[in-house]
C-alpha atoms as a PDB file:
ATOM      1  CA  UNK A   1     -26.913 -31.358 -52.290  1.00  0.00           C
ATOM      2  CA  UNK A   2     -24.622 -28.644 -50.522  1.00  0.00           C
ATOM      3  CA  UNK A   3     -25.912 -26.656 -47.609  1.00  0.00           C
ATOM      4  CA  UNK A   4     -26.277 -23.035 -48.687  1.00  0.00           C
ATOM      5  CA  UNK A   5     -24.269 -20.472 -46.933  1.00  0.00           C
ATOM      6  CA  UNK A   6     -25.613 -18.810 -43.854  1.00  0.00           C
ATOM      7  CA  UNK A   7     -26.611 -15.095 -45.329  1.00  0.00           C
ATOM      8  CA  UNK A   8     -26.439 -13.751 -41.898  1.00  0.00           C
ATOM      9  CA  UNK A   9     -23.044 -15.205 -40.956  1.00  0.00           C
ATOM     10  CA  UNK A  10     -20.041 -12.640 -40.680  1.00  0.00           C
ATOM     11  CA  UNK A  11     -17.365 -12.667 -43.227  1.00  0.00           C
ATOM     12  CA  UNK A  12     -13.922 -13.660 -41.860  1.00  0.00           C
ATOM     13  CA  UNK A  13     -12.066 -10.915 -40.329  1.00  0.00           C
ATOM     14  CA  UNK A  14      -8.655  -9.736 -42.576  1.00  0.00           C
ATOM     15  CA  UNK A  15      -5.402 -10.427 -41.022  1.00  0.00           C
ATOM     16  CA  UNK A  16      -4.419  -7.910 -38.348  1.00  0.00           C
ATOM     17  CA  UNK A  17      -4.352  -6.576 -34.649  1.00  0.00           C
ATOM     18  CA  UNK A  18      -7.553  -6.089 -32.806  1.00  0.00           C
ATOM     19  CA  UNK A  19      -6.839  -4.110 -29.770  1.00  0.00           C
ATOM     20  CA  UNK A  20      -9.586  -4.664 -27.106  1.00  0.00           C
ATOM     21  CA  UNK A  21     -10.314  -2.516 -23.874  1.00  0.00           C
ATOM     22  CA  UNK A  22     -10.720  -5.927 -21.544  1.00  0.00           C
ATOM     23  CA  UNK A  23     -13.389  -5.603 -18.987  1.00  0.00           C
ATOM     24  CA  UNK A  24     -13.248  -6.401 -15.363  1.00  0.00           C
ATOM     25  CA  UNK A  25     -14.034 -10.121 -14.378  1.00  0.00           C
ATOM     26  CA  UNK A  26     -13.070 -11.686 -17.892  1.00  0.00           C
ATOM     27  CA  UNK A  27     -10.149 -13.579 -18.432  1.00  0.00           C
ATOM     28  CA  UNK A  28      -7.921 -12.990 -21.267  1.00  0.00           C
ATOM     29  CA  UNK A  29      -8.910 -16.645 -22.708  1.00  0.00           C
ATOM     30  CA  UNK A  30     -12.569 -15.412 -22.603  1.00  0.00           C
ATOM     31  CA  UNK A  31     -11.577 -12.139 -24.529  1.00  0.00           C
ATOM     32  CA  UNK A  32     -10.111 -14.540 -27.152  1.00  0.00           C
ATOM     33  CA  UNK A  33     -13.040 -16.807 -27.343  1.00  0.00           C
ATOM     34  CA  UNK A  34     -15.517 -14.067 -27.872  1.00  0.00           C
ATOM     35  CA  UNK A  35     -13.327 -12.435 -30.613  1.00  0.00           C
ATOM     36  CA  UNK A  36     -12.759 -15.963 -32.478  1.00  0.00           C
ATOM     37  CA  UNK A  37     -16.797 -15.892 -32.779  1.00  0.00           C
ATOM     38  CA  UNK A  38     -16.931 -11.784 -33.569  1.00  0.00           C
ATOM     39  CA  UNK A  39     -13.909 -12.463 -36.078  1.00  0.00           C
ATOM     40  CA  UNK A  40     -15.419 -15.597 -37.704  1.00  0.00           C
ATOM     41  CA  UNK A  41     -12.246 -17.562 -37.258  1.00  0.00           C
ATOM     42  CA  UNK A  42     -10.482 -19.792 -34.967  1.00  0.00           C
ATOM     43  CA  UNK A  43      -7.119 -18.113 -35.554  1.00  0.00           C
ATOM     44  CA  UNK A  44      -7.115 -15.593 -32.605  1.00  0.00           C
ATOM     45  CA  UNK A  45      -4.502 -15.153 -29.964  1.00  0.00           C
ATOM     46  CA  UNK A  46      -3.328 -12.481 -27.531  1.00  0.00           C
ATOM     47  CA  UNK A  47      -0.022 -10.610 -26.669  1.00  0.00           C
ATOM     48  CA  UNK A  48       0.331 -11.077 -22.887  1.00  0.00           C
ATOM     49  CA  UNK A  49      -2.210 -11.967 -20.130  1.00  0.00           C
ATOM     50  CA  UNK A  50      -4.344  -9.643 -18.165  1.00  0.00           C
ATOM     51  CA  UNK A  51      -5.757 -10.768 -14.648  1.00  0.00           C
ATOM     52  CA  UNK A  52      -9.605 -10.862 -14.254  1.00  0.00           C
ATOM     53  CA  UNK A  53      -9.474  -8.021 -12.199  1.00  0.00           C
ATOM     54  CA  UNK A  54      -7.570  -5.800 -14.319  1.00  0.00           C
ATOM     55  CA  UNK A  55      -9.003  -3.793 -17.449  1.00  0.00           C
ATOM     56  CA  UNK A  56      -7.464  -2.184 -20.556  1.00  0.00           C
ATOM     57  CA  UNK A  57      -5.457  -2.920 -23.496  1.00  0.00           C
ATOM     58  CA  UNK A  58      -5.328  -6.594 -24.615  1.00  0.00           C
ATOM     59  CA  UNK A  59      -3.674  -6.882 -28.038  1.00  0.00           C
ATOM     60  CA  UNK A  60      -5.115  -9.456 -30.341  1.00  0.00           C
ATOM     61  CA  UNK A  61      -3.807 -11.240 -33.455  1.00  0.00           C
ATOM     62  CA  UNK A  62      -6.177 -12.334 -36.280  1.00  0.00           C
ATOM     63  CA  UNK A  63      -5.044 -14.561 -38.900  1.00  0.00           C
ATOM     64  CA  UNK A  64      -1.377 -14.160 -40.000  1.00  0.00           C
ATOM     65  CA  UNK A  65      -0.989 -11.373 -37.190  1.00  0.00           C
ATOM     66  CA  UNK A  66      -0.911 -14.600 -34.736  1.00  0.00           C
ATOM     67  CA  UNK A  67       2.610 -14.843 -35.810  1.00  0.00           C
ATOM     68  CA  UNK A  68       3.246 -11.147 -34.440  1.00  0.00           C
ATOM     69  CA  UNK A  69       2.375 -12.008 -31.103  1.00  0.00           C
ATOM     70  CA  UNK A  70       5.463 -13.704 -30.223  1.00  0.00           C
ATOM     71  CA  UNK A  71       7.416 -10.402 -30.635  1.00  0.00           C
ATOM     72  CA  UNK A  72       4.838  -8.091 -29.101  1.00  0.00           C
ATOM     73  CA  UNK A  73       4.830 -10.157 -25.829  1.00  0.00           C
ATOM     74  CA  UNK A  74       8.163  -8.689 -25.070  1.00  0.00           C
ATOM     75  CA  UNK A  75       6.963  -5.188 -25.273  1.00  0.00           C
ATOM     76  CA  UNK A  76       7.036  -2.468 -22.542  1.00  0.00           C
ATOM     77  CA  UNK A  77       3.817  -1.650 -20.992  1.00  0.00           C
ATOM     78  CA  UNK A  78       1.988   1.096 -19.098  1.00  0.00           C
ATOM     79  CA  UNK A  79      -0.417   0.800 -16.349  1.00  0.00           C
ATOM     80  CA  UNK A  80      -2.466   2.938 -13.994  1.00  0.00           C
ATOM     81  CA  UNK A  81      -3.215   1.117 -10.532  1.00  0.00           C
ATOM     82  CA  UNK A  82      -4.303   1.360  -6.868  1.00  0.00           C
ATOM     83  CA  UNK A  83      -2.379   0.132  -4.204  1.00  0.00           C
ATOM     84  CA  UNK A  84      -3.761  -0.258  -0.756  1.00  0.00           C
ATOM     85  CA  UNK A  85      -1.435   0.187   1.966  1.00  0.00           C
ATOM     86  CA  UNK A  86      -2.045  -1.345   5.560  1.00  0.00           C
ATOM     87  CA  UNK A  87      -3.428  -4.761   4.163  1.00  0.00           C
ATOM     88  CA  UNK A  88      -1.561  -7.683   2.481  1.00  0.00           C
ATOM     89  CA  UNK A  89      -3.611 -10.295   0.717  1.00  0.00           C
ATOM     90  CA  UNK A  90      -2.726 -13.808  -0.506  1.00  0.00           C
ATOM     91  CA  UNK A  91      -2.842 -12.934  -4.050  1.00  0.00           C
ATOM     92  CA  UNK A  92      -1.279  -9.521  -3.685  1.00  0.00           C
ATOM     93  CA  UNK A  93      -4.604  -8.276  -5.154  1.00  0.00           C
ATOM     94  CA  UNK A  94      -8.146  -7.522  -3.676  1.00  0.00           C
ATOM     95  CA  UNK A  95      -9.195 -11.009  -5.046  1.00  0.00           C
ATOM     96  CA  UNK A  96      -7.447 -12.700  -2.178  1.00  0.00           C
ATOM     97  CA  UNK A  97      -8.100 -13.101   1.523  1.00  0.00           C
ATOM     98  CA  UNK A  98      -6.352 -10.656   3.683  1.00  0.00           C
ATOM     99  CA  UNK A  99      -3.521 -12.038   5.465  1.00  0.00           C
ATOM    100  CA  UNK A 100      -2.321  -9.372   7.326  1.00  0.00           C
ATOM    101  CA  UNK A 101      -3.820  -5.854   8.579  1.00  0.00           C
ATOM    102  CA  UNK A 102      -1.229  -3.727  10.120  1.00  0.00           C
ATOM    103  CA  UNK A 103      -2.639  -0.729   9.103  1.00  0.00           C
ATOM    104  CA  UNK A 104      -1.007   2.610   7.589  1.00  0.00           C
ATOM    105  CA  UNK A 105      -2.418   5.210   9.590  1.00  0.00           C
ATOM    106  CA  UNK A 106       1.145   6.879   9.930  1.00  0.00           C
ATOM    107  CA  UNK A 107       2.301   6.786   6.364  1.00  0.00           C
ATOM    108  CA  UNK A 108       3.102  10.184   4.306  1.00  0.00           C
ATOM    109  CA  UNK A 109       3.289  10.847   0.953  1.00  0.00           C
ATOM    110  CA  UNK A 110       7.292  11.360   1.497  1.00  0.00           C
ATOM    111  CA  UNK A 111       7.716   7.920   2.542  1.00  0.00           C
ATOM    112  CA  UNK A 112       5.731   6.425  -0.102  1.00  0.00           C
ATOM    113  CA  UNK A 113       7.791   8.645  -2.764  1.00  0.00           C
ATOM    114  CA  UNK A 114      10.779   7.319  -1.143  1.00  0.00           C
ATOM    115  CA  UNK A 115       9.841   3.601  -1.286  1.00  0.00           C
ATOM    116  CA  UNK A 116       8.624   4.258  -4.928  1.00  0.00           C
ATOM    117  CA  UNK A 117      11.894   5.576  -5.928  1.00  0.00           C
ATOM    118  CA  UNK A 118      13.702   2.674  -4.510  1.00  0.00           C
ATOM    119  CA  UNK A 119      11.579   0.428  -6.634  1.00  0.00           C
ATOM    120  CA  UNK A 120      12.274   2.115  -9.858  1.00  0.00           C
ATOM    121  CA  UNK A 121      15.169   1.098 -12.417  1.00  0.00           C
ATOM    122  CA  UNK A 122      16.545  -2.390 -12.781  1.00  0.00           C
ATOM    123  CA  UNK A 123      15.023  -4.645 -10.208  1.00  0.00           C
ATOM    124  CA  UNK A 124      15.102  -8.529  -9.167  1.00  0.00           C
ATOM    125  CA  UNK A 125      11.565  -8.931  -8.453  1.00  0.00           C
ATOM    126  CA  UNK A 126      10.006 -11.930  -7.139  1.00  0.00           C
ATOM    127  CA  UNK A 127       6.840 -12.827  -8.982  1.00  0.00           C
ATOM    128  CA  UNK A 128       3.523 -13.137  -6.927  1.00  0.00           C
ATOM    129  CA  UNK A 129       3.244 -16.747  -5.980  1.00  0.00           C
ATOM    130  CA  UNK A 130      -0.216 -16.818  -7.715  1.00  0.00           C
ATOM    131  CA  UNK A 131       1.342 -16.427 -11.256  1.00  0.00           C
ATOM    132  CA  UNK A 132       0.974 -18.334 -14.209  1.00  0.00           C
ATOM    133  CA  UNK A 133       4.514 -19.451 -13.816  1.00  0.00           C
ATOM    134  CA  UNK A 134       5.295 -23.285 -13.965  1.00  0.00           C
ATOM    135  CA  UNK A 135       6.875 -25.055 -10.901  1.00  0.00           C
ATOM    136  CA  UNK A 136       7.937 -28.677 -11.709  1.00  0.00           C
ATOM    137  CA  UNK A 137       5.156 -28.531 -14.472  1.00  0.00           C
ATOM    138  CA  UNK A 138       2.309 -26.923 -12.467  1.00  0.00           C
ATOM    139  CA  UNK A 139       1.205 -23.507 -12.479  1.00  0.00           C
ATOM    140  CA  UNK A 140       2.070 -21.963  -9.360  1.00  0.00           C
ATOM    141  CA  UNK A 141      -1.316 -20.542  -8.790  1.00  0.00           C
ATOM    142  CA  UNK A 142      -2.618 -24.011  -8.697  1.00  0.00           C
ATOM    143  CA  UNK A 143      -0.050 -25.058  -6.389  1.00  0.00           C
ATOM    144  CA  UNK A 144      -1.043 -22.019  -3.855  1.00  0.00           C
ATOM    145  CA  UNK A 145      -4.746 -22.628  -4.214  1.00  0.00           C
ATOM    146  CA  UNK A 146      -4.284 -26.305  -3.219  1.00  0.00           C
ATOM    147  CA  UNK A 147      -2.251 -25.065  -0.018  1.00  0.00           C
ATOM    148  CA  UNK A 148       1.042 -25.363  -0.826  1.00  0.00           C
ATOM    149  CA  UNK A 149       3.729 -22.895  -0.054  1.00  0.00           C
ATOM    150  CA  UNK A 150       5.381 -21.594  -3.153  1.00  0.00           C
ATOM    151  CA  UNK A 151       8.800 -19.789  -3.174  1.00  0.00           C
ATOM    152  CA  UNK A 152       9.453 -18.278  -6.935  1.00  0.00           C
ATOM    153  CA  UNK A 153      13.074 -17.387  -7.956  1.00  0.00           C
ATOM    154  CA  UNK A 154      13.580 -13.585  -8.546  1.00  0.00           C
ATOM    155  CA  UNK A 155      13.695 -12.225 -12.132  1.00  0.00           C
ATOM    156  CA  UNK A 156      15.290  -9.380 -13.693  1.00  0.00           C
ATOM    157  CA  UNK A 157      12.874  -6.559 -14.553  1.00  0.00           C
ATOM    158  CA  UNK A 158      12.809  -3.055 -15.311  1.00  0.00           C
ATOM    159  CA  UNK A 159      10.611  -0.243 -13.843  1.00  0.00           C
ATOM    160  CA  UNK A 160      11.227   2.937 -16.105  1.00  0.00           C
ATOM    161  CA  UNK A 161       8.573   4.884 -14.613  1.00  0.00           C
ATOM    162  CA  UNK A 162       6.840   4.886 -11.045  1.00  0.00           C
ATOM    163  CA  UNK A 163       4.948   7.970 -10.210  1.00  0.00           C
ATOM    164  CA  UNK A 164       2.806   8.504  -7.174  1.00  0.00           C
ATOM    165  CA  UNK A 165      -0.520  10.322  -7.713  1.00  0.00           C
ATOM    166  CA  UNK A 166      -3.474  10.826  -5.451  1.00  0.00           C
ATOM    167  CA  UNK A 167      -3.320   9.496  -1.829  1.00  0.00           C
ATOM    168  CA  UNK A 168      -6.626   8.458   0.058  1.00  0.00           C
ATOM    169  CA  UNK A 169      -6.890   7.710   3.815  1.00  0.00           C
ATOM    170  CA  UNK A 170      -9.903   5.188   4.078  1.00  0.00           C
ATOM    171  CA  UNK A 171     -11.197   2.881   7.165  1.00  0.00           C
ATOM    172  CA  UNK A 172     -11.511  -0.571   6.069  1.00  0.00           C
ATOM    173  CA  UNK A 173     -13.138  -2.659   8.978  1.00  0.00           C
ATOM    174  CA  UNK A 174     -11.751  -0.586  11.583  1.00  0.00           C
ATOM    175  CA  UNK A 175      -8.234  -0.644  10.092  1.00  0.00           C
ATOM    176  CA  UNK A 176      -6.834   2.935   8.661  1.00  0.00           C
ATOM    177  CA  UNK A 177      -5.558   2.104   5.063  1.00  0.00           C
ATOM    178  CA  UNK A 178      -4.018   4.307   2.705  1.00  0.00           C
ATOM    179  CA  UNK A 179      -4.931   3.971  -1.080  1.00  0.00           C
ATOM    180  CA  UNK A 180      -2.480   5.275  -3.287  1.00  0.00           C
ATOM    181  CA  UNK A 181      -2.976   5.736  -7.089  1.00  0.00           C
ATOM    182  CA  UNK A 182       0.320   5.218  -9.376  1.00  0.00           C
ATOM    183  CA  UNK A 183       1.533   4.996 -12.884  1.00  0.00           C
ATOM    184  CA  UNK A 184       3.975   2.877 -13.894  1.00  0.00           C
ATOM    185  CA  UNK A 185       6.035   1.808 -17.012  1.00  0.00           C
ATOM    186  CA  UNK A 186       7.580  -1.717 -16.885  1.00  0.00           C
ATOM    187  CA  UNK A 187       9.461  -4.260 -18.854  1.00  0.00           C
ATOM    188  CA  UNK A 188       7.618  -7.240 -19.984  1.00  0.00           C
ATOM    189  CA  UNK A 189       7.448  -9.859 -17.066  1.00  0.00           C
ATOM    190  CA  UNK A 190       6.898  -7.158 -14.450  1.00  0.00           C
ATOM    191  CA  UNK A 191       4.263  -8.209 -12.028  1.00  0.00           C
ATOM    192  CA  UNK A 192       2.568  -4.858 -10.849  1.00  0.00           C
ATOM    193  CA  UNK A 193       0.939  -6.833  -8.017  1.00  0.00           C
ATOM    194  CA  UNK A 194       4.392  -7.731  -6.728  1.00  0.00           C
ATOM    195  CA  UNK A 195       5.409  -3.877  -6.898  1.00  0.00           C
ATOM    196  CA  UNK A 196       2.354  -3.212  -4.841  1.00  0.00           C
ATOM    197  CA  UNK A 197       3.363  -6.118  -2.256  1.00  0.00           C
ATOM    198  CA  UNK A 198       6.880  -4.730  -2.219  1.00  0.00           C
ATOM    199  CA  UNK A 199       5.907  -1.375  -1.572  1.00  0.00           C
ATOM    200  CA  UNK A 200       4.089  -2.433   1.387  1.00  0.00           C
ATOM    201  CA  UNK A 201       6.861  -4.249   2.647  1.00  0.00           C
ATOM    202  CA  UNK A 202       9.239  -1.629   2.336  1.00  0.00           C
ATOM    203  CA  UNK A 203       6.683   0.677   4.356  1.00  0.00           C
ATOM    204  CA  UNK A 204       6.219  -1.833   7.152  1.00  0.00           C
ATOM    205  CA  UNK A 205       2.490  -1.949   6.193  1.00  0.00           C
ATOM    206  CA  UNK A 206       1.824  -4.786   3.773  1.00  0.00           C
ATOM    207  CA  UNK A 207      -0.001  -3.850   0.328  1.00  0.00           C
ATOM    208  CA  UNK A 208      -2.089  -4.976  -2.505  1.00  0.00           C
ATOM    209  CA  UNK A 209      -3.678  -3.973  -5.305  1.00  0.00           C
ATOM    210  CA  UNK A 210      -7.247  -3.005  -5.603  1.00  0.00           C
ATOM    211  CA  UNK A 211      -7.344  -1.708  -9.258  1.00  0.00           C
ATOM    212  CA  UNK A 212      -5.104  -2.347 -12.184  1.00  0.00           C
ATOM    213  CA  UNK A 213      -5.692  -0.522 -16.196  1.00  0.00           C
ATOM    214  CA  UNK A 214      -3.328  -1.332 -18.936  1.00  0.00           C
ATOM    215  CA  UNK A 215      -3.056   1.590 -20.904  1.00  0.00           C
ATOM    216  CA  UNK A 216      -0.391   0.528 -23.442  1.00  0.00           C
ATOM    217  CA  UNK A 217       1.477  -2.221 -24.977  1.00  0.00           C
ATOM    218  CA  UNK A 218       4.275  -1.247 -27.276  1.00  0.00           C
ATOM    219  CA  UNK A 219       2.883   1.092 -29.696  1.00  0.00           C
ATOM    220  CA  UNK A 220      -0.690   0.223 -29.089  1.00  0.00           C
ATOM    221  CA  UNK A 221      -2.675   2.364 -26.564  1.00  0.00           C
ATOM    222  CA  UNK A 222      -6.096   2.848 -25.147  1.00  0.00           C
ATOM    223  CA  UNK A 223      -6.893   5.330 -27.915  1.00  0.00           C
ATOM    224  CA  UNK A 224      -6.370   2.147 -30.266  1.00  0.00           C
ATOM    225  CA  UNK A 225      -8.683   0.088 -28.232  1.00  0.00           C
ATOM    226  CA  UNK A 226     -12.351  -0.630 -28.581  1.00  0.00           C
ATOM    227  CA  UNK A 227     -14.783  -2.066 -25.504  1.00  0.00           C
ATOM    228  CA  UNK A 228     -15.712  -5.430 -26.036  1.00  0.00           C
ATOM    229  CA  UNK A 229     -19.379  -4.401 -25.866  1.00  0.00           C
ATOM    230  CA  UNK A 230     -18.743  -2.012 -28.606  1.00  0.00           C
ATOM    231  CA  UNK A 231     -17.360  -4.861 -30.770  1.00  0.00           C
ATOM    232  CA  UNK A 232     -20.557  -7.079 -29.940  1.00  0.00           C
ATOM    233  CA  UNK A 233     -22.665  -4.104 -31.054  1.00  0.00           C
ATOM    234  CA  UNK A 234     -21.172  -4.016 -34.348  1.00  0.00           C
ATOM    235  CA  UNK A 235     -22.862  -7.308 -35.366  1.00  0.00           C
ATOM    236  CA  UNK A 236     -22.054  -7.865 -39.261  1.00  0.00           C
ATOM    237  CA  UNK A 237     -19.678  -4.704 -39.494  1.00  0.00           C
ATOM    238  CA  UNK A 238     -16.380  -5.470 -39.945  1.00  0.00           C
ATOM    239  CA  UNK A 239     -14.415  -5.592 -36.935  1.00  0.00           C
ATOM    240  CA  UNK A 240     -11.854  -2.591 -36.221  1.00  0.00           C
ATOM    241  CA  UNK A 241      -8.487  -4.536 -37.170  1.00  0.00           C
ATOM    242  CA  UNK A 242      -5.245  -2.624 -37.792  1.00  0.00           C
ATOM    243  CA  UNK A 243      -3.875  -4.109 -40.942  1.00  0.00           C
ATOM    244  CA  UNK A 244      -1.001  -6.386 -40.775  1.00  0.00           C
ATOM    245  CA  UNK A 245       1.397  -4.097 -42.003  1.00  0.00           C
ATOM    246  CA  UNK A 246       0.333  -1.100 -39.959  1.00  0.00           C
ATOM    247  CA  UNK A 247       0.405  -3.041 -37.019  1.00  0.00           C
ATOM    248  CA  UNK A 248       3.968  -4.039 -37.931  1.00  0.00           C
ATOM    249  CA  UNK A 249       4.848  -0.296 -38.213  1.00  0.00           C
ATOM    250  CA  UNK A 250       3.396   0.618 -34.997  1.00  0.00           C
ATOM    251  CA  UNK A 251       4.970  -2.074 -33.006  1.00  0.00           C
ATOM    252  CA  UNK A 252       8.525  -2.296 -34.499  1.00  0.00           C
ATOM    253  CA  UNK A 253      11.394  -0.623 -35.996  1.00  0.00           C
ATOM    254  CA  UNK A 254      10.894  -0.501 -39.846  1.00  0.00           C
ATOM    255  CA  UNK A 255      13.160  -1.462 -42.888  1.00  0.00           C
ATOM    256  CA  UNK A 256      12.434  -0.455 -46.170  1.00  0.00           C
ATOM    257  CA  UNK A 257      13.605  -3.237 -48.443  1.00  0.00           C
ATOM    258  CA  UNK A 258      14.607  -3.127 -52.437  1.00  0.00           C
ATOM    259  CA  UNK A 259      12.707  -5.632 -54.617  1.00  0.00           C
ATOM    260  CA  UNK A 260      15.824  -7.730 -54.562  1.00  0.00           C
ATOM    261  CA  UNK A 261      15.931  -7.717 -50.669  1.00  0.00           C
ATOM    262  CA  UNK A 262      12.265  -8.447 -50.408  1.00  0.00           C
ATOM    263  CA  UNK A 263      12.463 -11.299 -52.912  1.00  0.00           C
ATOM    264  CA  UNK A 264      15.419 -12.713 -51.088  1.00  0.00           C
ATOM    265  CA  UNK A 265      13.807 -12.602 -47.781  1.00  0.00           C
ATOM    266  CA  UNK A 266      10.844 -13.990 -49.248  1.00  0.00           C
ATOM    267  CA  UNK A 267      12.830 -16.964 -50.343  1.00  0.00           C
ATOM    268  CA  UNK A 268      14.033 -17.178 -46.691  1.00  0.00           C
ATOM    269  CA  UNK A 269      17.691 -16.069 -47.588  1.00  0.00           C
ATOM    270  CA  UNK A 270      19.800 -13.899 -45.216  1.00  0.00           C
ATOM    271  CA  UNK A 271      20.557 -10.067 -46.215  1.00  0.00           C
ATOM    272  CA  UNK A 272      22.761  -7.673 -44.862  1.00  0.00           C
ATOM    273  CA  UNK A 273      21.781  -5.995 -41.559  1.00  0.00           C
ATOM    274  CA  UNK A 274      20.786  -2.283 -41.771  1.00  0.00           C
ATOM    275  CA  UNK A 275      21.974  -1.729 -38.302  1.00  0.00           C
ATOM    276  CA  UNK A 276      24.250  -4.554 -37.266  1.00  0.00           C
ATOM    277  CA  UNK A 277      23.552  -5.288 -33.253  1.00  0.00           C
ATOM    278  CA  UNK A 278      20.253  -3.887 -33.241  1.00  0.00           C
ATOM    279  CA  UNK A 279      18.529  -6.014 -30.345  1.00  0.00           C
ATOM    280  CA  UNK A 280      14.728  -5.486 -31.026  1.00  0.00           C
ATOM    281  CA  UNK A 281      13.205  -7.230 -33.991  1.00  0.00           C
ATOM    282  CA  UNK A 282      12.547  -5.159 -37.177  1.00  0.00           C
ATOM    283  CA  UNK A 283       9.703  -5.138 -39.535  1.00  0.00           C
ATOM    284  CA  UNK A 284      10.847  -5.287 -43.137  1.00  0.00           C
ATOM    285  CA  UNK A 285       8.768  -3.976 -46.058  1.00  0.00           C
ATOM    286  CA  UNK A 286       8.516  -4.505 -49.645  1.00  0.00           C
ATOM    287  CA  UNK A 287       8.535  -1.397 -51.872  1.00  0.00           C
ATOM    288  CA  UNK A 288       4.937  -1.510 -52.071  1.00  0.00           C
ATOM    289  CA  UNK A 289       4.586  -1.379 -48.252  1.00  0.00           C
ATOM    290  CA  UNK A 290       3.394  -5.112 -47.977  1.00  0.00           C
ATOM    291  CA  UNK A 291       5.025  -6.611 -44.576  1.00  0.00           C
ATOM    292  CA  UNK A 292       7.612  -9.194 -45.681  1.00  0.00           C
ATOM    293  CA  UNK A 293       9.126 -10.523 -42.488  1.00  0.00           C
ATOM    294  CA  UNK A 294      10.268  -9.521 -39.249  1.00  0.00           C
ATOM    295  CA  UNK A 295      13.960  -9.824 -38.998  1.00  0.00           C
ATOM    296  CA  UNK A 296      16.601 -10.347 -36.502  1.00  0.00           C
ATOM    297  CA  UNK A 297      19.507  -7.859 -37.240  1.00  0.00           C
ATOM    298  CA  UNK A 298      21.657  -8.624 -34.257  1.00  0.00           C
ATOM    299  CA  UNK A 299      24.272  -9.952 -36.397  1.00  0.00           C
ATOM    300  CA  UNK A 300      25.778  -8.455 -39.750  1.00  0.00           C
ATOM    301  CA  UNK A 301      23.650 -10.730 -41.629  1.00  0.00           C
ATOM    302  CA  UNK A 302      19.890 -10.525 -41.152  1.00  0.00           C
ATOM    303  CA  UNK A 303      17.868 -13.641 -40.714  1.00  0.00           C
ATOM    304  CA  UNK A 304      13.804 -13.951 -40.764  1.00  0.00           C
ATOM    305  CA  UNK A 305      12.285 -14.547 -37.630  1.00  0.00           C
ATOM    306  CA  UNK A 306       8.866 -14.894 -39.630  1.00  0.00           C
ATOM    307  CA  UNK A 307       8.181 -14.362 -43.287  1.00  0.00           C
ATOM    308  CA  UNK A 308       4.669 -12.944 -44.075  1.00  0.00           C
ATOM    309  CA  UNK A 309       5.383 -12.529 -47.752  1.00  0.00           C
ATOM    310  CA  UNK A 310       6.938 -15.306 -49.293  1.00  0.00           C
ATOM    311  CA  UNK A 311       8.376 -15.162 -52.802  1.00  0.00           C
ATOM    312  CA  UNK A 312       6.251 -16.572 -55.365  1.00  0.00           C
ATOM    313  CA  UNK A 313       7.890 -19.921 -56.899  1.00  0.00           C
END
């Protein structure tokens, strides 16, 4: 005889985006694993890793929305952070051992702001050596923790906003340090830890992150996020997912299709681009508001990068 369904089991969560305010000391993988249980589905992924020490916006895709994550990963991001000048660490953050303690007793706001200005704009940034970048098939952080010296190639990034807030002199282990609160807006692939390191290098003091909070990923902000503990408290209540079409509208430029265009795109056919040469992905919607596809309009003919509403056969 078939086993009766568990009446206490949660119903699978509808397709959509779940924005979580990640707690400190959780890995992004930990949050995904918990969300799979809470959403009663294995089909959950995330759009961009946050380090365990970091908190804030972690965008999860549930169900078919996992197919949006590929495009969300490339979104620009906002962070608030605290940089400690006067100490350098192995990992460029507070979780690594201190490798140098030069002190920052003579550093003034004017010097910090000048160094920040030089780290704003289009940059060639060398990622932190404990990043997840692979070197000859192995993660860089695995090599570093095994005692290897790792040198990563610089990559092009954009820091479009780098604002200095409060400065707080402190004494740590007898060393005068300066804690600097900052806000940054950065392109995908930018390491805020590396910005802290490079700021300390520019000032001749060494530097590392002591706090990091992501406040925005593309069109999703902390206002859209729910604390993981609050998700746990919902028990059998539905998860607060952003429906698939609404998530696409928040994340991408939108294009309204005619019935004929929606049918053609649903069949995987190309249609004329609305704005040829547009670099960013475009979310295409049927007249009834359904998300049909994510389009590439870089050429005169738009092609589907992902189809969400295949045409009926």
